[in-house]
């Protein structure tokens, strides 16, 4: 008899859903703050990451940096994306 164990999609799907959840959450947050300015505290953005670093080798230059700008709505989007992933 075959096993009926539940299988989840791969980590690539989880990563895609979390990124999309953060982006959509930020868009919704911007719209909510524009409609109701009193909720501006929820739209405050905190930046976390590495600032841009550039290495110039005279033949080519290499730049690297990573910055994550998060607010309440993007965190909510991350959580909803994770819940959606678990229901897949």
C-alpha atoms as a PDB file:
ATOM      1  CA  UNK A   1       0.000   0.000   0.000  1.00  0.00           C
ATOM      2  CA  UNK A   2       1.513   3.401  -0.986  1.00  0.00           C
ATOM      3  CA  UNK A   3       2.317   5.920   1.717  1.00  0.00           C
ATOM      4  CA  UNK A   4      -0.031   8.881   2.010  1.00  0.00           C
ATOM      5  CA  UNK A   5       2.522  11.177   3.634  1.00  0.00           C
ATOM      6  CA  UNK A   6       2.020  14.817   2.831  1.00  0.00           C
ATOM      7  CA  UNK A   7       4.690  16.352   0.641  1.00  0.00           C
ATOM      8  CA  UNK A   8       5.321  20.076   0.441  1.00  0.00           C
ATOM      9  CA  UNK A   9       6.629  22.018  -2.542  1.00  0.00           C
ATOM     10  CA  UNK A  10      10.337  22.783  -2.467  1.00  0.00           C
ATOM     11  CA  UNK A  11      12.174  25.582  -0.735  1.00  0.00           C
ATOM     12  CA  UNK A  12      12.214  27.507  -4.016  1.00  0.00           C
ATOM     13  CA  UNK A  13       8.416  27.834  -3.859  1.00  0.00           C
ATOM     14  CA  UNK A  14       8.625  28.966  -0.225  1.00  0.00           C
ATOM     15  CA  UNK A  15      11.235  31.598  -1.111  1.00  0.00           C
ATOM     16  CA  UNK A  16       9.138  32.852  -4.038  1.00  0.00           C
ATOM     17  CA  UNK A  17       5.994  33.066  -1.900  1.00  0.00           C
ATOM     18  CA  UNK A  18       7.776  34.900   0.920  1.00  0.00           C
ATOM     19  CA  UNK A  19       9.300  37.438  -1.487  1.00  0.00           C
ATOM     20  CA  UNK A  20       5.938  37.975  -3.183  1.00  0.00           C
ATOM     21  CA  UNK A  21       4.210  38.239   0.211  1.00  0.00           C
ATOM     22  CA  UNK A  22       6.657  40.936   1.305  1.00  0.00           C
ATOM     23  CA  UNK A  23       6.269  42.904  -1.920  1.00  0.00           C
ATOM     24  CA  UNK A  24       2.472  42.729  -1.924  1.00  0.00           C
ATOM     25  CA  UNK A  25       2.368  43.507   1.805  1.00  0.00           C
ATOM     26  CA  UNK A  26       4.469  46.627   1.234  1.00  0.00           C
ATOM     27  CA  UNK A  27       2.201  47.752  -1.612  1.00  0.00           C
ATOM     28  CA  UNK A  28      -0.888  47.270   0.548  1.00  0.00           C
ATOM     29  CA  UNK A  29       0.826  49.092   3.414  1.00  0.00           C
ATOM     30  CA  UNK A  30       1.634  52.070   1.203  1.00  0.00           C
ATOM     31  CA  UNK A  31      -1.987  52.213   0.027  1.00  0.00           C
ATOM     32  CA  UNK A  32      -3.369  51.961   3.565  1.00  0.00           C
ATOM     33  CA  UNK A  33      -1.073  54.714   4.852  1.00  0.00           C
ATOM     34  CA  UNK A  34      -2.082  56.964   1.934  1.00  0.00           C
ATOM     35  CA  UNK A  35      -5.787  56.351   2.619  1.00  0.00           C
ATOM     36  CA  UNK A  36      -5.540  56.624   6.410  1.00  0.00           C
ATOM     37  CA  UNK A  37      -2.601  58.824   7.418  1.00  0.00           C
ATOM     38  CA  UNK A  38      -3.371  58.125  11.096  1.00  0.00           C
ATOM     39  CA  UNK A  39      -1.959  54.610  10.536  1.00  0.00           C
ATOM     40  CA  UNK A  40       1.399  56.078   9.506  1.00  0.00           C
ATOM     41  CA  UNK A  41       3.173  54.381  12.415  1.00  0.00           C
ATOM     42  CA  UNK A  42       2.447  50.993  10.783  1.00  0.00           C
ATOM     43  CA  UNK A  43       4.068  52.197   7.570  1.00  0.00           C
ATOM     44  CA  UNK A  44       7.412  53.146   9.132  1.00  0.00           C
ATOM     45  CA  UNK A  45      10.196  51.371   7.286  1.00  0.00           C
ATOM     46  CA  UNK A  46      13.228  49.849   8.979  1.00  0.00           C
ATOM     47  CA  UNK A  47      16.243  49.026   6.817  1.00  0.00           C
ATOM     48  CA  UNK A  48      18.345  45.965   7.596  1.00  0.00           C
ATOM     49  CA  UNK A  49      21.282  44.696   5.560  1.00  0.00           C
ATOM     50  CA  UNK A  50      24.654  45.486   4.096  1.00  0.00           C
ATOM     51  CA  UNK A  51      25.233  48.817   2.375  1.00  0.00           C
ATOM     52  CA  UNK A  52      26.599  48.769  -1.156  1.00  0.00           C
ATOM     53  CA  UNK A  53      30.293  47.933  -1.357  1.00  0.00           C
ATOM     54  CA  UNK A  54      32.173  48.531  -4.612  1.00  0.00           C
ATOM     55  CA  UNK A  55      35.524  47.026  -5.547  1.00  0.00           C
ATOM     56  CA  UNK A  56      37.205  48.804  -8.476  1.00  0.00           C
ATOM     57  CA  UNK A  57      39.797  46.645 -10.253  1.00  0.00           C
ATOM     58  CA  UNK A  58      40.430  49.129 -13.107  1.00  0.00           C
ATOM     59  CA  UNK A  59      39.342  46.478 -15.618  1.00  0.00           C
ATOM     60  CA  UNK A  60      35.915  46.039 -14.117  1.00  0.00           C
ATOM     61  CA  UNK A  61      34.153  47.032 -10.933  1.00  0.00           C
ATOM     62  CA  UNK A  62      32.208  44.704  -8.700  1.00  0.00           C
ATOM     63  CA  UNK A  63      29.387  45.937  -6.487  1.00  0.00           C
ATOM     64  CA  UNK A  64      27.659  43.995  -3.761  1.00  0.00           C
ATOM     65  CA  UNK A  65      24.971  44.989  -1.314  1.00  0.00           C
ATOM     66  CA  UNK A  66      21.774  43.764   0.238  1.00  0.00           C
ATOM     67  CA  UNK A  67      19.143  45.880   1.943  1.00  0.00           C
ATOM     68  CA  UNK A  68      15.814  44.690   3.299  1.00  0.00           C
ATOM     69  CA  UNK A  69      13.265  47.443   3.930  1.00  0.00           C
ATOM     70  CA  UNK A  70      10.560  46.055   6.172  1.00  0.00           C
ATOM     71  CA  UNK A  71       7.460  47.462   7.812  1.00  0.00           C
ATOM     72  CA  UNK A  72       4.455  45.976   9.606  1.00  0.00           C
ATOM     73  CA  UNK A  73       2.620  45.149   6.386  1.00  0.00           C
ATOM     74  CA  UNK A  74       5.590  43.402   4.767  1.00  0.00           C
ATOM     75  CA  UNK A  75       5.996  41.234   7.896  1.00  0.00           C
ATOM     76  CA  UNK A  76       2.285  40.452   7.700  1.00  0.00           C
ATOM     77  CA  UNK A  77       2.796  39.495   4.046  1.00  0.00           C
ATOM     78  CA  UNK A  78       5.682  37.182   5.019  1.00  0.00           C
ATOM     79  CA  UNK A  79       3.510  35.449   7.613  1.00  0.00           C
ATOM     80  CA  UNK A  80       0.537  35.066   5.264  1.00  0.00           C
ATOM     81  CA  UNK A  81       2.823  33.660   2.551  1.00  0.00           C
ATOM     82  CA  UNK A  82       4.198  31.076   4.990  1.00  0.00           C
ATOM     83  CA  UNK A  83       0.671  30.079   6.050  1.00  0.00           C
ATOM     84  CA  UNK A  84      -0.324  29.785   2.383  1.00  0.00           C
ATOM     85  CA  UNK A  85       2.747  27.601   1.734  1.00  0.00           C
ATOM     86  CA  UNK A  86       1.817  25.273   4.582  1.00  0.00           C
ATOM     87  CA  UNK A  87      -1.694  24.863   3.107  1.00  0.00           C
ATOM     88  CA  UNK A  88      -0.363  23.857  -0.321  1.00  0.00           C
END
